[in-house]
Protein backbone atom coordinates (compact mmCIF):
# COMPACT_ATOMS: atom_id res chain seq x y z
CA MET A 1 -39.92 5.80 71.20
CA HIS A 2 -37.30 8.53 71.05
CA ALA A 3 -35.18 9.11 67.95
CA ARG A 4 -31.56 8.23 68.51
CA SER A 5 -29.32 11.31 68.52
CA VAL A 6 -26.42 11.34 66.08
CA PRO A 7 -23.12 12.93 67.10
CA LYS A 8 -22.44 16.23 65.40
CA ASN A 9 -19.14 15.11 63.88
CA LEU A 10 -20.79 11.97 62.46
CA ARG A 11 -23.51 14.06 60.84
CA ARG A 12 -20.82 16.15 59.14
CA TRP A 13 -19.08 12.96 57.93
CA ARG A 14 -22.26 11.65 56.36
CA GLN A 15 -22.76 14.94 54.54
CA ARG A 16 -19.35 14.88 52.88
CA PRO A 17 -19.47 14.84 49.07
CA PHE A 18 -17.76 11.50 48.57
CA LEU A 19 -20.48 9.79 50.65
CA ARG A 20 -23.39 11.28 48.68
CA ARG A 21 -25.78 8.65 47.37
CA ILE A 22 -26.67 9.65 43.82
CA THR A 23 -29.33 8.20 41.55
CA LEU A 24 -30.08 8.99 37.93
CA PRO A 25 -33.82 9.49 37.37
CA ALA A 26 -35.78 7.39 34.91
CA HIS A 27 -35.76 8.88 31.42
CA THR A 28 -35.59 8.01 27.73
CA VAL A 29 -32.53 7.84 25.47
CA ASP A 30 -31.77 6.91 21.89
CA CYS A 31 -29.04 4.32 21.42
CA PRO A 32 -26.04 5.99 19.71
CA GLU A 33 -25.24 2.78 17.83
CA CYS A 34 -28.61 1.45 16.60
CA GLY A 35 -30.91 4.45 17.23
CA LEU A 36 -33.49 2.52 19.27
CA ARG A 37 -35.48 4.73 21.66
CA THR A 38 -35.27 3.10 25.04
CA ALA A 39 -36.84 3.74 28.45
CA VAL A 40 -34.09 3.76 31.08
CA PRO A 41 -35.23 3.07 34.67
CA GLU A 42 -33.86 4.92 37.68
CA LEU A 43 -30.21 3.93 38.11
CA LYS A 44 -28.34 3.74 41.39
CA GLN A 45 -24.59 3.89 41.86
CA GLY A 46 -22.74 1.00 40.27
CA HIS A 47 -25.54 0.28 37.78
CA GLN A 48 -25.70 0.64 34.01
CA ALA A 49 -28.34 0.27 31.33
CA ASP A 50 -27.68 -1.42 27.97
CA CYS A 51 -29.60 -1.24 24.74
CA PRO A 52 -32.00 -4.20 24.49
CA ARG A 53 -31.44 -4.49 20.74
CA CYS A 54 -27.71 -4.14 20.11
CA GLY A 55 -26.29 -4.39 23.65
CA HIS A 56 -24.47 -1.04 23.49
CA GLU A 57 -23.97 0.73 26.82
CA LEU A 58 -26.53 3.51 27.15
CA VAL A 59 -26.16 4.94 30.65
CA ARG A 60 -23.81 4.15 33.52
CA VAL A 61 -23.27 5.46 37.04
CA GLU A 62 -19.99 4.68 38.79
CA ASN A 63 -20.13 2.93 42.14
CA ARG A 64 -18.47 5.95 43.79
CA PRO A 65 -19.16 8.51 41.04
CA PHE A 66 -17.43 11.50 42.62
CA VAL A 67 -14.35 10.15 44.32
CA THR A 68 -13.36 7.29 41.99
CA PRO A 69 -12.46 9.40 38.91
CA LEU A 70 -10.65 11.93 41.13
CA ALA A 71 -8.57 9.25 42.82
CA LEU A 72 -7.78 7.46 39.56
CA ALA A 73 -6.89 10.63 37.66
CA SER A 74 -4.71 11.93 40.49
CA ALA A 75 -2.74 8.71 40.75
CA ALA A 76 -2.39 8.39 36.97
CA LEU A 77 -1.20 12.01 36.70
CA VAL A 78 1.51 11.51 39.34
CA LEU A 79 2.72 8.36 37.57
CA LEU A 80 2.62 10.04 34.18
CA LEU A 81 4.90 12.83 35.42
CA CYS A 82 7.20 10.29 37.04
CA VAL A 83 7.40 8.25 33.84
CA TYR A 84 8.39 11.30 31.78
CA GLY A 85 10.83 12.49 34.44
CA SER A 86 12.66 9.22 35.15
CA MET A 87 15.08 6.92 33.33
CA PHE A 88 13.25 4.71 30.86
CA MET A 89 15.98 2.30 29.81
CA THR A 90 19.74 1.99 29.45
CA VAL A 91 21.18 0.51 26.27
CA SER A 92 24.76 -0.78 26.43
CA MET A 93 26.83 -1.76 23.39
CA ILE A 94 30.54 -1.79 22.56
CA GLY A 95 32.00 1.12 24.50
CA VAL A 96 28.69 3.05 24.51
CA ASN A 97 26.07 3.39 27.22
CA GLU A 98 22.91 5.18 26.12
CA ARG A 99 20.58 6.38 28.89
CA LEU A 100 17.12 6.90 27.42
CA THR A 101 14.29 8.96 28.84
CA LEU A 102 11.09 9.71 26.97
CA PRO A 103 11.95 13.43 26.58
CA PHE A 104 15.37 12.40 25.23
CA MET A 105 13.66 10.24 22.58
CA LEU A 106 11.67 13.29 21.48
CA GLU A 107 14.85 15.35 21.37
CA VAL A 108 16.59 12.78 19.14
CA LEU A 109 13.68 12.83 16.69
CA VAL A 110 13.66 16.62 16.51
CA LEU A 111 17.44 16.93 16.09
CA GLN A 112 17.40 14.47 13.19
CA ASP A 113 14.57 16.33 11.42
CA PHE A 114 11.83 13.86 12.21
CA GLY A 115 9.64 16.44 13.91
CA PHE A 116 6.41 14.79 12.72
CA LEU A 117 7.25 11.55 14.51
CA ALA A 118 8.24 13.54 17.60
CA GLU A 119 4.85 15.22 17.55
CA VAL A 120 3.05 11.90 17.13
CA MET A 121 4.89 10.36 20.07
CA PHE A 122 4.47 13.42 22.30
CA VAL A 123 0.80 13.97 21.52
CA PHE A 124 -0.41 10.39 21.90
CA THR A 125 1.77 9.25 24.82
CA PHE A 126 2.01 12.42 26.93
CA GLY A 127 0.12 15.45 25.61
CA LEU A 128 -3.34 13.94 25.24
CA PRO A 129 -3.10 11.77 28.42
CA LEU A 130 -1.94 14.82 30.40
CA LEU A 131 -4.72 17.02 29.05
CA PHE A 132 -7.32 14.30 29.64
CA LEU A 133 -6.26 13.82 33.27
CA LEU A 134 -6.14 17.55 34.00
CA LEU A 135 -9.62 18.03 32.52
CA CYS A 136 -10.90 15.04 34.51
CA LEU A 137 -9.56 16.56 37.73
CA TYR A 138 -11.08 19.95 36.89
CA VAL A 139 -14.52 18.57 36.05
CA TYR A 140 -14.78 16.17 38.99
CA ALA A 141 -13.34 18.70 41.45
CA ALA A 142 -16.19 21.02 40.48
CA LEU A 143 -18.70 18.23 41.02
CA GLN A 144 -17.08 17.33 44.31
CA ILE A 145 -17.22 20.83 45.77
CA LYS A 146 -20.61 21.55 44.13
CA ARG A 147 -19.48 24.69 42.32
CA PRO A 148 -20.17 25.48 38.64
CA LEU A 149 -16.62 26.41 37.69
CA PRO A 150 -16.11 28.26 34.36
CA GLY A 151 -16.03 26.21 31.18
CA LEU A 152 -17.28 22.93 32.68
CA ILE A 153 -19.30 21.99 29.60
CA ALA A 154 -16.39 22.63 27.20
CA ALA A 155 -13.97 20.81 29.52
CA THR A 156 -16.25 17.77 29.68
CA ARG A 157 -16.78 17.79 25.93
CA THR A 158 -13.04 17.82 25.30
CA MET A 159 -12.34 15.23 28.00
CA VAL A 160 -14.68 12.56 26.61
CA ARG A 161 -13.41 13.08 23.04
CA LEU A 162 -9.80 12.53 24.08
CA ARG A 163 -10.38 9.02 25.44
CA GLU A 164 -10.11 7.16 22.15
CA TRP A 165 -6.86 8.90 21.20
CA VAL A 166 -4.82 8.04 24.32
CA MET A 167 -2.14 5.51 23.27
CA ALA A 168 0.07 5.02 26.32
CA ASP A 169 -0.83 1.33 26.39
CA VAL A 170 0.17 0.95 22.71
CA PHE A 171 3.55 2.54 23.47
CA LEU A 172 4.09 0.13 26.38
CA ILE A 173 3.51 -2.91 24.16
CA SER A 174 5.79 -1.35 21.54
CA THR A 175 8.53 -1.09 24.18
CA LEU A 176 8.29 -4.81 24.87
CA VAL A 177 8.51 -5.56 21.15
CA ALA A 178 11.53 -3.28 20.78
CA TYR A 179 13.17 -4.88 23.81
CA ILE A 180 13.05 -8.30 22.16
CA LYS A 181 14.59 -6.87 19.00
CA LEU A 182 17.26 -4.99 20.98
CA GLY A 183 18.12 -7.93 23.19
CA ASP A 184 19.82 -9.76 20.32
CA VAL A 185 22.49 -7.10 19.77
CA VAL A 186 22.79 -4.97 22.96
CA ASN A 187 22.27 -5.15 26.68
CA VAL A 188 19.08 -3.46 27.89
CA ALA A 189 18.34 -2.46 31.47
CA PHE A 190 14.95 -0.98 32.25
CA GLY A 191 14.70 2.05 34.49
CA ALA A 192 12.03 3.22 36.93
CA ALA A 193 9.98 4.88 34.18
CA PHE A 194 9.42 1.59 32.38
CA TRP A 195 8.18 -0.19 35.50
CA LEU A 196 6.00 2.74 36.53
CA MET A 197 4.41 2.71 33.08
CA PHE A 198 2.54 -0.53 33.86
CA PRO A 199 0.44 0.88 36.75
CA MET A 200 0.18 4.21 34.91
CA VAL A 201 -1.40 2.54 31.86
CA LEU A 202 -3.82 0.53 34.01
CA LEU A 203 -4.89 3.64 35.94
CA LEU A 204 -5.19 5.67 32.76
CA LEU A 205 -7.38 3.07 31.08
CA ARG A 206 -9.56 2.76 34.18
CA THR A 207 -9.92 6.54 34.33
CA THR A 208 -11.15 6.66 30.73
CA GLN A 209 -13.88 4.20 31.72
CA ALA A 210 -14.83 6.09 34.90
CA VAL A 211 -16.17 9.21 33.17
CA PRO A 212 -19.62 8.37 31.73
CA GLU A 213 -20.50 11.61 29.97
CA HIS A 214 -24.27 11.12 30.20
CA TRP A 215 -24.13 11.20 34.00
CA VAL A 216 -21.48 13.93 34.09
CA TYR A 217 -23.56 16.36 32.00
CA TYR A 218 -26.57 15.66 34.21
CA GLN A 219 -24.58 16.58 37.34
CA ILE A 220 -23.08 19.70 35.74
CA HIS A 221 -26.51 21.06 34.83
CA ARG A 222 -27.73 20.32 38.34
CA LEU A 223 -24.96 22.61 39.62
CA HIS A 224 -26.39 25.38 37.41
CA GLY A 225 -29.91 24.66 38.63
CA HIS A 226 -31.03 23.21 35.29
CA THR A 227 -32.41 19.86 34.28
CA THR A 228 -31.35 17.66 31.38
CA VAL A 229 -34.34 15.30 31.63
CA TYR A 230 -36.65 16.40 28.82
CA ALA A 231 -39.53 14.30 27.55
CA ASP A 232 -39.03 12.56 24.20
CA THR A 233 -41.98 14.38 22.69
CA GLY A 234 -42.33 15.38 19.05
CA GLY A 235 -39.88 17.97 17.81
CA LYS A 236 -36.98 16.75 19.96
CA THR A 237 -33.78 15.01 18.95
CA CYS A 238 -31.54 12.87 21.15
CA CYS A 239 -27.94 14.08 21.04
CA SER A 240 -25.60 11.29 19.96
CA ARG A 241 -22.86 12.60 22.29
CA CYS A 242 -24.51 13.28 25.65
CA ARG A 243 -27.72 11.27 24.91
CA TRP A 244 -30.07 13.95 26.24
CA PHE A 245 -32.96 15.38 24.22
CA GLY A 246 -33.07 18.85 22.75
CA PRO A 247 -35.36 20.77 20.39
CA SER A 248 -34.86 19.58 16.82
CA GLU A 249 -34.85 23.12 15.43
CA GLU A 250 -31.68 23.95 17.39
CA SER A 251 -28.36 23.41 15.66
CA HIS A 252 -26.43 22.61 18.84
CA CYS A 253 -27.32 20.52 21.87
CA ARG A 254 -28.27 22.68 24.83
CA VAL A 255 -26.78 20.12 27.23
CA CYS A 256 -23.27 19.46 25.86
CA GLY A 257 -22.90 22.10 23.11
CA THR A 258 -22.10 19.72 20.24
CA ALA A 259 -23.91 19.72 16.90
CA LEU A 260 -27.40 18.29 17.23
CA PHE A 261 -28.55 15.89 14.53
CA ALA A 262 -30.66 12.75 14.14
CA ARG A 263 -27.98 11.24 11.88
CA ARG A 264 -24.50 12.67 11.32
CA PRO A 265 -24.63 14.95 8.24
CA GLY A 266 -22.41 13.75 5.43
CA SER A 267 -21.33 10.71 7.43
CA LEU A 268 -20.83 8.41 4.45
CA ARG A 269 -19.00 11.00 2.36
CA LEU A 270 -16.62 11.96 5.16
CA SER A 271 -15.94 8.37 6.14
CA LEU A 272 -15.37 7.33 2.52
CA ALA A 273 -13.02 10.29 1.88
CA PHE A 274 -10.80 9.38 4.86
CA LEU A 275 -10.91 5.70 3.90
CA LEU A 276 -9.85 6.34 0.29
CA ALA A 277 -7.00 8.56 1.49
CA ALA A 278 -5.87 5.80 3.87
CA ALA A 279 -5.97 3.20 1.09
CA VAL A 280 -3.85 5.44 -1.18
CA PHE A 281 -1.24 6.09 1.54
CA TYR A 282 -1.12 2.39 2.44
CA ILE A 283 0.65 1.63 -0.87
CA PRO A 284 3.81 3.74 -0.20
CA ALA A 285 3.63 2.72 3.47
CA ASN A 286 4.32 -0.89 2.40
CA THR A 287 6.58 -0.36 -0.59
CA LEU A 288 8.92 2.33 0.74
CA PRO A 289 11.49 1.72 3.51
CA ILE A 290 10.15 2.13 7.04
CA MET A 291 13.54 1.77 8.77
CA ILE A 292 17.16 2.22 7.67
CA SER A 293 19.84 0.55 9.82
CA SER A 294 23.52 1.31 9.29
CA ASN A 295 26.94 0.72 10.80
CA PRO A 296 30.47 1.43 9.49
CA THR A 297 30.38 -1.64 7.22
CA VAL A 298 26.81 -2.10 6.01
CA THR A 299 23.51 -0.31 5.50
CA GLU A 300 20.26 -2.23 5.71
CA VAL A 301 16.98 -0.92 4.33
CA SER A 302 13.79 -2.55 5.65
CA THR A 303 10.20 -2.36 4.50
CA ILE A 304 7.39 -3.48 6.78
CA MET A 305 7.15 -6.94 5.21
CA GLY A 306 10.93 -7.21 4.88
CA GLY A 307 11.36 -6.60 8.61
CA ILE A 308 8.65 -9.13 9.44
CA LEU A 309 10.25 -11.82 7.25
CA PHE A 310 13.69 -11.09 8.73
CA MET A 311 12.39 -11.55 12.28
CA TRP A 312 10.55 -14.71 11.28
CA ASP A 313 13.70 -16.22 9.75
CA SER A 314 15.76 -15.12 12.78
CA GLY A 315 13.53 -17.10 15.14
CA ASP A 316 11.58 -14.17 16.62
CA ARG A 317 8.34 -15.59 15.31
CA ALA A 318 6.13 -14.29 18.12
CA ILE A 319 7.32 -10.71 17.54
CA ALA A 320 7.01 -11.18 13.78
CA ALA A 321 3.41 -12.30 14.29
CA ILE A 322 2.66 -9.25 16.49
CA ILE A 323 4.16 -6.81 13.98
CA PHE A 324 2.43 -8.60 11.08
CA SER A 325 -0.92 -8.39 12.88
CA ALA A 326 -0.54 -4.72 13.87
CA SER A 327 1.07 -3.40 10.70
CA VAL A 328 -0.49 -5.54 7.95
CA VAL A 329 -3.57 -7.44 9.11
CA ILE A 330 -5.24 -4.69 11.14
CA PRO A 331 -4.88 -1.86 8.58
CA VAL A 332 -5.97 -4.09 5.71
CA LEU A 333 -8.92 -5.46 7.66
CA LYS A 334 -9.96 -1.96 8.71
CA ILE A 335 -9.91 -0.72 5.13
CA PHE A 336 -11.91 -3.67 3.82
CA ILE A 337 -14.35 -3.75 6.74
CA MET A 338 -14.99 0.00 6.53
CA GLY A 339 -15.55 -0.36 2.78
CA PHE A 340 -18.05 -3.15 3.49
CA LEU A 341 -19.82 -1.08 6.16
CA LEU A 342 -20.09 1.89 3.82
CA LEU A 343 -21.67 -0.33 1.19
CA CYS A 344 -24.10 -1.71 3.77
CA ALA A 345 -25.07 1.77 4.94
CA ARG A 346 -25.64 2.84 1.33
CA TYR A 347 -27.25 -0.20 -0.28
CA GLY A 348 -28.52 -2.40 2.55
CA VAL A 349 -27.36 -5.08 4.99
CA PRO A 350 -26.89 -8.55 3.43
CA TRP A 351 -26.04 -10.37 6.70
CA ASP A 352 -27.33 -10.55 10.23
CA ILE A 353 -27.36 -6.96 11.44
CA LYS A 354 -25.83 -7.87 14.81
CA LYS A 355 -22.83 -9.45 13.08
CA VAL A 356 -22.39 -6.38 10.91
CA SER A 357 -22.65 -4.16 13.98
CA LEU A 358 -20.03 -6.31 15.72
CA LEU A 359 -17.66 -5.69 12.80
CA TYR A 360 -18.03 -1.95 13.40
CA ARG A 361 -17.26 -2.31 17.11
CA ILE A 362 -14.17 -4.40 16.47
CA THR A 363 -12.92 -1.93 13.86
CA GLU A 364 -13.46 0.94 16.28
CA LYS A 365 -11.46 -0.73 19.05
CA ILE A 366 -8.41 -2.14 17.22
CA GLY A 367 -7.43 0.75 14.96
CA ARG A 368 -4.92 2.52 17.23
CA TRP A 369 -2.90 -0.68 17.78
CA SER A 370 -1.40 -0.29 14.31
CA MET A 371 0.82 2.42 15.83
CA ILE A 372 3.01 -0.31 17.37
CA ASP A 373 5.34 -0.36 14.37
CA ILE A 374 5.86 3.40 14.46
CA PHE A 375 6.63 3.44 18.19
CA VAL A 376 9.07 0.53 17.74
CA VAL A 377 10.96 2.51 15.08
CA ILE A 378 11.09 5.54 17.39
CA ILE A 379 12.52 3.47 20.27
CA LEU A 380 15.12 1.82 18.01
CA MET A 381 16.13 5.16 16.55
CA SER A 382 16.65 6.56 20.08
CA ALA A 383 18.79 3.56 21.04
CA PHE A 384 20.92 3.61 17.88
CA HIS A 385 21.88 7.12 16.80
CA THR A 386 25.68 6.98 16.95
CA PRO A 387 28.21 6.50 14.09
CA ILE A 388 28.78 2.94 15.32
CA ALA A 389 25.14 1.98 14.97
CA ARG A 390 22.34 4.10 13.59
CA VAL A 391 18.63 3.56 12.92
CA THR A 392 16.62 6.18 11.06
CA PRO A 393 12.95 6.11 10.08
CA GLY A 394 12.26 5.70 6.39
CA PRO A 395 9.64 7.62 4.39
CA ALA A 396 7.13 4.80 4.92
CA SER A 397 6.86 5.74 8.61
CA LEU A 398 5.14 9.02 7.71
CA TYR A 399 2.72 7.31 5.31
CA PHE A 400 1.96 4.54 7.80
CA CYS A 401 1.20 7.12 10.53
CA LEU A 402 -1.23 8.79 8.17
CA VAL A 403 -2.87 5.45 7.35
CA VAL A 404 -3.51 4.77 11.04
CA LEU A 405 -4.89 8.23 11.73
CA LEU A 406 -7.02 8.36 8.59
CA THR A 407 -8.62 4.98 9.24
CA MET A 408 -9.39 6.07 12.80
CA LEU A 409 -11.05 9.21 11.46
CA SER A 410 -12.99 7.15 8.93
CA VAL A 411 -14.43 5.05 11.76
CA HIS A 412 -15.04 8.15 13.88
CA PHE A 413 -17.16 9.89 11.26
CA PHE A 414 -19.14 6.78 10.30
CA ASP A 415 -22.63 6.77 11.83
CA PRO A 416 -23.52 3.12 12.65
CA ARG A 417 -27.21 4.00 13.00
CA LEU A 418 -27.36 4.16 9.21
CA LEU A 419 -26.82 0.37 9.18
CA TRP A 420 -29.81 -0.16 11.45
CA ASP A 421 -31.90 2.22 9.37
CA LYS A 422 -31.33 -0.03 6.36
CA TYR A 423 -32.09 -3.04 8.54
CA GLU A 424 -35.40 -1.58 9.67
CA ALA A 425 -36.26 -0.66 6.11
CA GLY A 426 -35.63 -4.29 5.10
CA GLU A 427 -33.24 -3.34 2.32
CA THR A 428 -30.45 -5.59 1.02
CA TRP A 429 -27.91 -5.23 -1.79
CA THR A 430 -30.40 -6.89 -4.16
CA GLY A 431 -32.97 -4.20 -3.47
CA THR A 432 -35.51 -6.62 -1.92
CA ARG A 433 -37.50 -5.60 1.14
CA LEU A 434 -37.77 -8.08 3.97
CA LYS A 435 -40.06 -8.26 6.98
CA LEU A 436 -37.60 -8.23 9.83
CA PRO A 437 -38.40 -8.72 13.52
CA ARG A 438 -38.43 -5.76 15.83
CA PRO A 439 -37.66 -5.84 19.54
CA SER A 440 -40.68 -6.77 21.66
CA GLU A 441 -40.07 -4.00 24.19
CA ASN A 442 -37.88 -0.96 24.42
CA ALA A 443 -36.88 -1.24 28.04
CA ALA A 444 -33.16 -1.11 28.74
CA SER A 445 -31.48 -4.09 30.32
CA THR A 446 -29.79 -3.08 33.55
CA LYS A 447 -27.00 -4.54 35.58
């Protein structure tokens, strides 16, 4: 039997980078959430391995790991530039037509001496998304062409850290809330930028999910001719960022360059310090005015709760519920839940550990949505900045921004593995030691 000859052009097609079939070899990782050491089998494209104890994602390989992030990031970048370069909305009132673009909103904030709010809007809705997408294109272009471009490790490290701070989706929801509030007093017509923001947000969110750092670092070190697969022998620590092992005596991970530690040093102190600062700032955030509305006949000063009650009495109960949830319920819950988690990590876990761990995950995911109220104030201020009608942010807007950012930092610096350490030690708040079940096997569940 003779082997079938393959046309030369077809052989070249099969060798193209986006058709490469990549597998991740079997190795061992420590779960970054519960600390369980788990044997991960060989993973093919489109597969992921989850922790058998807490269910946290350990390792994932995209279905098309080279081309998917490039395509998503390229499309999201084009839409991002279009959104910031096109008309966002037109606001029409008595004798005045205001054409709003996102750069114009930033300009209004700066001209009226609200530079901090301008920085917050720019950084979280344009600056960080733009930097994330550019870094994604740089890293995956290097992987695509198989060249170890300069600074790949630092670019990847920055890229994966930016994901949780991208808030374009929060701004989009804030626009819808502001539209309902504006619709009662003015005519609003949305421009191309608003409609393009929907696919941009979807592509941006999908891009943040398409960059599994564990696999990316493995591919980068392959370009340099190195391996990241080290045995989990004694004297090695699993990095909580890239999830590859390195010698315990080293201060920084040799794979991703971040600080190497078994548990984050000073985690409880740092998290508690940010939490206490957030709790202190939350008081003026709710007692001081967050928005001041004025016209030639009347000036109206609104606190967060005052604005919510006004919308509720005016019939906008759905919007009042959204603002109440984002501006009151979420910050308060985050402060109390983080306080509870800190107590558990210090004195022991009184409940089912999986429920306590779920509280941490929820707190980690919902924190940035509290920025809705701030973005709504920014949009209203941009729409009303004439002598006929004017909206200006009150001092509470600054304090509320700080509350959101500080609670996010409190969650960021909290090491959830400390909860599982107390669980394994069998400690509770009463000081008793319990015999608790351990997982029967440390093999990752794959799908």
